[in-house]
Amino acid sequence: MPKLTVDLRTNETLTIGEARVRLERKSGQLARLVIEAPANTRVSLPARPTHESAEQALQGGGNG
């Protein structure tokens, strides 16, 4: 699959098909994106560890 890398400054907008993605704020490794897309466009977030799974990882896996 082809790949495109884009650098955005604050308040710049990237258009993908009918969807628009705007970089609202950037601080360190955290960025706030505003996504405007038709209602039938699927938008999903990356999976994040739950508090319990993160706590288990800190305790060595929690298996024993």
PDB file of N, CA and C in Angstrom:
ATOM      1  N   MET A   1       0.842  -1.173   0.000  1.00  0.00           N
ATOM      2  CA  MET A   1       0.000   0.000   0.000  1.00  0.00           C
ATOM      3  C   MET A   1       0.895   1.246   0.000  1.00  0.00           C
ATOM      4  N   PRO A   2       0.627   2.211  -0.851  1.00  0.00           N
ATOM      5  CA  PRO A   2       1.425   3.441  -0.870  1.00  0.00           C
ATOM      6  C   PRO A   2       1.304   4.201   0.445  1.00  0.00           C
ATOM      7  N   LYS A   3       2.336   4.963   0.766  1.00  0.00           N
ATOM      8  CA  LYS A   3       2.372   5.713   2.017  1.00  0.00           C
ATOM      9  C   LYS A   3       2.726   7.161   1.726  1.00  0.00           C
ATOM     10  N   LEU A   4       2.109   8.070   2.452  1.00  0.00           N
ATOM     11  CA  LEU A   4       2.382   9.493   2.328  1.00  0.00           C
ATOM     12  C   LEU A   4       2.650  10.029   3.723  1.00  0.00           C
ATOM     13  N   THR A   5       3.751  10.731   3.895  1.00  0.00           N
ATOM     14  CA  THR A   5       4.087  11.344   5.179  1.00  0.00           C
ATOM     15  C   THR A   5       3.892  12.843   5.042  1.00  0.00           C
ATOM     16  N   VAL A   6       3.161  13.438   5.999  1.00  0.00           N
ATOM     17  CA  VAL A   6       2.827  14.858   5.939  1.00  0.00           C
ATOM     18  C   VAL A   6       3.207  15.513   7.261  1.00  0.00           C
ATOM     19  N   ASP A   7       3.872  16.646   7.197  1.00  0.00           N
ATOM     20  CA  ASP A   7       4.158  17.445   8.386  1.00  0.00           C
ATOM     21  C   ASP A   7       3.157  18.597   8.421  1.00  0.00           C
ATOM     22  N   LEU A   8       2.497  18.770   9.565  1.00  0.00           N
ATOM     23  CA  LEU A   8       1.510  19.837   9.718  1.00  0.00           C
ATOM     24  C   LEU A   8       1.927  20.785  10.827  1.00  0.00           C
ATOM     25  N   ARG A   9       1.623  22.047  10.640  1.00  0.00           N
ATOM     26  CA  ARG A   9       1.780  23.034  11.694  1.00  0.00           C
ATOM     27  C   ARG A   9       0.415  23.230  12.355  1.00  0.00           C
ATOM     28  N   THR A  10       0.407  23.817  13.519  1.00  0.00           N
ATOM     29  CA  THR A  10      -0.838  24.082  14.235  1.00  0.00           C
ATOM     30  C   THR A  10      -1.818  24.815  13.323  1.00  0.00           C
ATOM     31  N   ASN A  11      -3.052  24.344  13.335  1.00  0.00           N
ATOM     32  CA  ASN A  11      -4.186  24.877  12.563  1.00  0.00           C
ATOM     33  C   ASN A  11      -4.108  24.603  11.064  1.00  0.00           C
ATOM     34  N   GLU A  12      -3.148  23.798  10.597  1.00  0.00           N
ATOM     35  CA  GLU A  12      -3.158  23.366   9.206  1.00  0.00           C
ATOM     36  C   GLU A  12      -4.087  22.171   9.058  1.00  0.00           C
ATOM     37  N   THR A  13      -4.691  22.044   7.877  1.00  0.00           N
ATOM     38  CA  THR A  13      -5.682  21.002   7.622  1.00  0.00           C
ATOM     39  C   THR A  13      -5.234  20.095   6.484  1.00  0.00           C
ATOM     40  N   LEU A  14      -5.413  18.803   6.685  1.00  0.00           N
ATOM     41  CA  LEU A  14      -5.142  17.782   5.682  1.00  0.00           C
ATOM     42  C   LEU A  14      -6.492  17.227   5.237  1.00  0.00           C
ATOM     43  N   THR A  15      -6.717  17.150   3.929  1.00  0.00           N
ATOM     44  CA  THR A  15      -7.962  16.600   3.401  1.00  0.00           C
ATOM     45  C   THR A  15      -7.686  15.212   2.838  1.00  0.00           C
ATOM     46  N   ILE A  16      -8.487  14.240   3.287  1.00  0.00           N
ATOM     47  CA  ILE A  16      -8.372  12.860   2.825  1.00  0.00           C
ATOM     48  C   ILE A  16      -9.752  12.459   2.319  1.00  0.00           C
ATOM     49  N   GLY A  17      -9.896  12.362   1.011  1.00  0.00           N
ATOM     50  CA  GLY A  17     -11.226  12.102   0.454  1.00  0.00           C
ATOM     51  C   GLY A  17     -12.155  13.228   0.862  1.00  0.00           C
ATOM     52  N   GLU A  18     -13.251  12.871   1.537  1.00  0.00           N
ATOM     53  CA  GLU A  18     -14.199  13.872   2.020  1.00  0.00           C
ATOM     54  C   GLU A  18     -13.930  14.270   3.468  1.00  0.00           C
ATOM     55  N   ALA A  19     -12.912  13.698   4.080  1.00  0.00           N
ATOM     56  CA  ALA A  19     -12.603  13.983   5.486  1.00  0.00           C
ATOM     57  C   ALA A  19     -11.520  15.050   5.581  1.00  0.00           C
ATOM     58  N   ARG A  20     -11.620  15.864   6.625  1.00  0.00           N
ATOM     59  CA  ARG A  20     -10.598  16.876   6.894  1.00  0.00           C
ATOM     60  C   ARG A  20     -10.048  16.649   8.294  1.00  0.00           C
ATOM     61  N   VAL A  21      -8.717  16.714   8.415  1.00  0.00           N
ATOM     62  CA  VAL A  21      -8.035  16.515   9.690  1.00  0.00           C
ATOM     63  C   VAL A  21      -7.216  17.774   9.962  1.00  0.00           C
ATOM     64  N   ARG A  22      -7.491  18.429  11.099  1.00  0.00           N
ATOM     65  CA  ARG A  22      -6.781  19.660  11.447  1.00  0.00           C
ATOM     66  C   ARG A  22      -5.973  19.446  12.715  1.00  0.00           C
ATOM     67  N   LEU A  23      -4.723  19.867  12.695  1.00  0.00           N
ATOM     68  CA  LEU A  23      -3.880  19.814  13.882  1.00  0.00           C
ATOM     69  C   LEU A  23      -4.227  21.030  14.731  1.00  0.00           C
ATOM     70  N   GLU A  24      -4.934  20.799  15.822  1.00  0.00           N
ATOM     71  CA  GLU A  24      -5.389  21.906  16.671  1.00  0.00           C
ATOM     72  C   GLU A  24      -4.319  22.352  17.658  1.00  0.00           C
ATOM     73  N   ARG A  25      -3.616  21.365  18.242  1.00  0.00           N
ATOM     74  CA  ARG A  25      -2.618  21.707  19.254  1.00  0.00           C
ATOM     75  C   ARG A  25      -1.572  20.610  19.311  1.00  0.00           C
ATOM     76  N   LYS A  26      -0.341  20.984  19.603  1.00  0.00           N
ATOM     77  CA  LYS A  26       0.760  20.024  19.750  1.00  0.00           C
ATOM     78  C   LYS A  26       1.558  20.412  20.976  1.00  0.00           C
ATOM     79  N   SER A  27       1.809  19.434  21.843  1.00  0.00           N
ATOM     80  CA  SER A  27       2.602  19.673  23.047  1.00  0.00           C
ATOM     81  C   SER A  27       3.392  18.404  23.336  1.00  0.00           C
ATOM     82  N   GLY A  28       4.716  18.463  23.173  1.00  0.00           N
ATOM     83  CA  GLY A  28       5.532  17.273  23.387  1.00  0.00           C
ATOM     84  C   GLY A  28       5.148  16.185  22.407  1.00  0.00           C
ATOM     85  N   GLN A  29       4.826  14.999  22.926  1.00  0.00           N
ATOM     86  CA  GLN A  29       4.443  13.874  22.070  1.00  0.00           C
ATOM     87  C   GLN A  29       2.941  13.770  21.878  1.00  0.00           C
ATOM     88  N   LEU A  30       2.180  14.731  22.393  1.00  0.00           N
ATOM     89  CA  LEU A  30       0.721  14.694  22.309  1.00  0.00           C
ATOM     90  C   LEU A  30       0.232  15.715  21.295  1.00  0.00           C
ATOM     91  N   ALA A  31      -0.655  15.293  20.406  1.00  0.00           N
ATOM     92  CA  ALA A  31      -1.244  16.193  19.417  1.00  0.00           C
ATOM     93  C   ALA A  31      -2.759  16.076  19.504  1.00  0.00           C
ATOM     94  N   ARG A  32      -3.453  17.194  19.377  1.00  0.00           N
ATOM     95  CA  ARG A  32      -4.919  17.178  19.338  1.00  0.00           C
ATOM     96  C   ARG A  32      -5.344  17.408  17.894  1.00  0.00           C
ATOM     97  N   LEU A  33      -6.058  16.427  17.345  1.00  0.00           N
ATOM     98  CA  LEU A  33      -6.550  16.491  15.978  1.00  0.00           C
ATOM     99  C   LEU A  33      -8.052  16.706  15.993  1.00  0.00           C
ATOM    100  N   VAL A  34      -8.541  17.536  15.088  1.00  0.00           N
ATOM    101  CA  VAL A  34      -9.974  17.722  14.885  1.00  0.00           C
ATOM    102  C   VAL A  34     -10.301  17.063  13.559  1.00  0.00           C
ATOM    103  N   ILE A  35     -11.208  16.076  13.595  1.00  0.00           N
ATOM    104  CA  ILE A  35     -11.540  15.306  12.401  1.00  0.00           C
ATOM    105  C   ILE A  35     -12.972  15.622  12.000  1.00  0.00           C
ATOM    106  N   GLU A  36     -13.135  16.099  10.771  1.00  0.00           N
ATOM    107  CA  GLU A  36     -14.460  16.358  10.212  1.00  0.00           C
ATOM    108  C   GLU A  36     -14.642  15.393   9.048  1.00  0.00           C
ATOM    109  N   ALA A  37     -15.666  14.534   9.159  1.00  0.00           N
ATOM    110  CA  ALA A  37     -15.878  13.520   8.126  1.00  0.00           C
ATOM    111  C   ALA A  37     -17.365  13.211   8.029  1.00  0.00           C
ATOM    112  N   PRO A  38     -17.801  12.715   6.879  1.00  0.00           N
ATOM    113  CA  PRO A  38     -19.196  12.301   6.752  1.00  0.00           C
ATOM    114  C   PRO A  38     -19.539  11.248   7.809  1.00  0.00           C
ATOM    115  N   ALA A  39     -20.794  11.187   8.187  1.00  0.00           N
ATOM    116  CA  ALA A  39     -21.243  10.269   9.244  1.00  0.00           C
ATOM    117  C   ALA A  39     -20.934   8.807   8.943  1.00  0.00           C
ATOM    118  N   ASN A  40     -20.849   8.440   7.669  1.00  0.00           N
ATOM    119  CA  ASN A  40     -20.595   7.033   7.327  1.00  0.00           C
ATOM    120  C   ASN A  40     -19.106   6.707   7.241  1.00  0.00           C
ATOM    121  N   THR A  41     -18.237   7.644   7.633  1.00  0.00           N
ATOM    122  CA  THR A  41     -16.790   7.418   7.630  1.00  0.00           C
ATOM    123  C   THR A  41     -16.380   6.799   8.954  1.00  0.00           C
ATOM    124  N   ARG A  42     -15.695   5.676   8.875  1.00  0.00           N
ATOM    125  CA  ARG A  42     -15.242   5.001  10.096  1.00  0.00           C
ATOM    126  C   ARG A  42     -13.953   5.661  10.591  1.00  0.00           C
ATOM    127  N   VAL A  43     -13.969   6.097  11.842  1.00  0.00           N
ATOM    128  CA  VAL A  43     -12.798   6.685  12.487  1.00  0.00           C
ATOM    129  C   VAL A  43     -12.545   5.884  13.748  1.00  0.00           C
ATOM    130  N   SER A  44     -11.338   5.348  13.918  1.00  0.00           N
ATOM    131  CA  SER A  44     -11.049   4.559  15.112  1.00  0.00           C
ATOM    132  C   SER A  44      -9.769   5.054  15.759  1.00  0.00           C
ATOM    133  N   LEU A  45      -9.677   4.881  17.068  1.00  0.00           N
ATOM    134  CA  LEU A  45      -8.518   5.283  17.845  1.00  0.00           C
ATOM    135  C   LEU A  45      -7.610   4.084  18.084  1.00  0.00           C
ATOM    136  N   PRO A  46      -6.311   4.322  18.253  1.00  0.00           N
ATOM    137  CA  PRO A  46      -5.419   3.202  18.583  1.00  0.00           C
ATOM    138  C   PRO A  46      -5.775   2.637  19.956  1.00  0.00           C
ATOM    139  N   ALA A  47      -5.572   1.342  20.117  1.00  0.00           N
ATOM    140  CA  ALA A  47      -5.858   0.695  21.401  1.00  0.00           C
ATOM    141  C   ALA A  47      -4.889   1.213  22.451  1.00  0.00           C
ATOM    142  N   ARG A  48      -5.412   1.512  23.622  1.00  0.00           N
ATOM    143  CA  ARG A  48      -4.575   1.962  24.733  1.00  0.00           C
ATOM    144  C   ARG A  48      -4.727   0.957  25.863  1.00  0.00           C
ATOM    145  N   PRO A  49      -3.658   0.709  26.596  1.00  0.00           N
ATOM    146  CA  PRO A  49      -3.781  -0.238  27.709  1.00  0.00           C
ATOM    147  C   PRO A  49      -4.718   0.316  28.776  1.00  0.00           C
ATOM    148  N   THR A  50      -5.501  -0.577  29.367  1.00  0.00           N
ATOM    149  CA  THR A  50      -6.362  -0.158  30.464  1.00  0.00           C
ATOM    150  C   THR A  50      -5.521   0.030  31.711  1.00  0.00           C
ATOM    151  N   HIS A  51      -6.069   0.661  32.702  1.00  0.00           N
ATOM    152  CA  HIS A  51      -5.352   0.884  33.959  1.00  0.00           C
ATOM    153  C   HIS A  51      -4.905  -0.456  34.550  1.00  0.00           C
ATOM    154  N   GLU A  52      -5.790  -1.471  34.523  1.00  0.00           N
ATOM    155  CA  GLU A  52      -5.467  -2.776  35.103  1.00  0.00           C
ATOM    156  C   GLU A  52      -4.323  -3.452  34.351  1.00  0.00           C
ATOM    157  N   SER A  53      -4.347  -3.415  32.997  1.00  0.00           N
ATOM    158  CA  SER A  53      -3.286  -4.096  32.244  1.00  0.00           C
ATOM    159  C   SER A  53      -1.960  -3.370  32.418  1.00  0.00           C
ATOM    160  N   ALA A  54      -1.974  -2.061  32.536  1.00  0.00           N
ATOM    161  CA  ALA A  54      -0.745  -1.313  32.774  1.00  0.00           C
ATOM    162  C   ALA A  54      -0.184  -1.643  34.154  1.00  0.00           C
ATOM    163  N   GLU A  55      -1.072  -1.783  35.121  1.00  0.00           N
ATOM    164  CA  GLU A  55      -0.636  -2.125  36.493  1.00  0.00           C
ATOM    165  C   GLU A  55      -0.046  -3.526  36.517  1.00  0.00           C
ATOM    166  N   GLN A  56      -0.625  -4.466  35.793  1.00  0.00           N
ATOM    167  CA  GLN A  56      -0.099  -5.831  35.732  1.00  0.00           C
ATOM    168  C   GLN A  56       1.283  -5.846  35.087  1.00  0.00           C
ATOM    169  N   ALA A  57       1.462  -5.050  34.038  1.00  0.00           N
ATOM    170  CA  ALA A  57       2.764  -5.000  33.369  1.00  0.00           C
ATOM    171  C   ALA A  57       3.832  -4.487  34.317  1.00  0.00           C
ATOM    172  N   LEU A  58       3.481  -3.511  35.149  1.00  0.00           N
ATOM    173  CA  LEU A  58       4.435  -2.972  36.111  1.00  0.00           C
ATOM    174  C   LEU A  58       4.795  -3.988  37.193  1.00  0.00           C
ATOM    175  N   GLN A  59       3.861  -4.914  37.447  1.00  0.00           N
ATOM    176  CA  GLN A  59       4.082  -5.918  38.492  1.00  0.00           C
ATOM    177  C   GLN A  59       4.677  -7.206  37.924  1.00  0.00           C
ATOM    178  N   GLY A  60       5.143  -7.175  36.697  1.00  0.00           N
ATOM    179  CA  GLY A  60       5.792  -8.353  36.116  1.00  0.00           C
ATOM    180  C   GLY A  60       4.845  -9.298  35.445  1.00  0.00           C
ATOM    181  N   GLY A  61       3.729  -8.808  34.926  1.00  0.00           N
ATOM    182  CA  GLY A  61       2.836  -9.641  34.142  1.00  0.00           C
ATOM    183  C   GLY A  61       1.646 -10.182  34.903  1.00  0.00           C
ATOM    184  N   GLY A  62       1.684 -10.182  36.196  1.00  0.00           N
ATOM    185  CA  GLY A  62       0.537 -10.611  36.996  1.00  0.00           C
ATOM    186  C   GLY A  62       0.195 -12.078  36.888  1.00  0.00           C
ATOM    187  N   ASN A  63       1.121 -12.942  36.449  1.00  0.00           N
ATOM    188  CA  ASN A  63       0.834 -14.361  36.282  1.00  0.00           C
ATOM    189  C   ASN A  63       1.278 -15.197  37.465  1.00  0.00           C
ATOM    190  N   GLY A  64       1.616 -14.592  38.555  1.00  0.00           N
ATOM    191  CA  GLY A  64       2.026 -15.498  39.591  1.00  0.00           C
ATOM    192  C   GLY A  64       2.565 -14.878  40.755  1.00  0.00           C
TER     193      GLY A  64
END
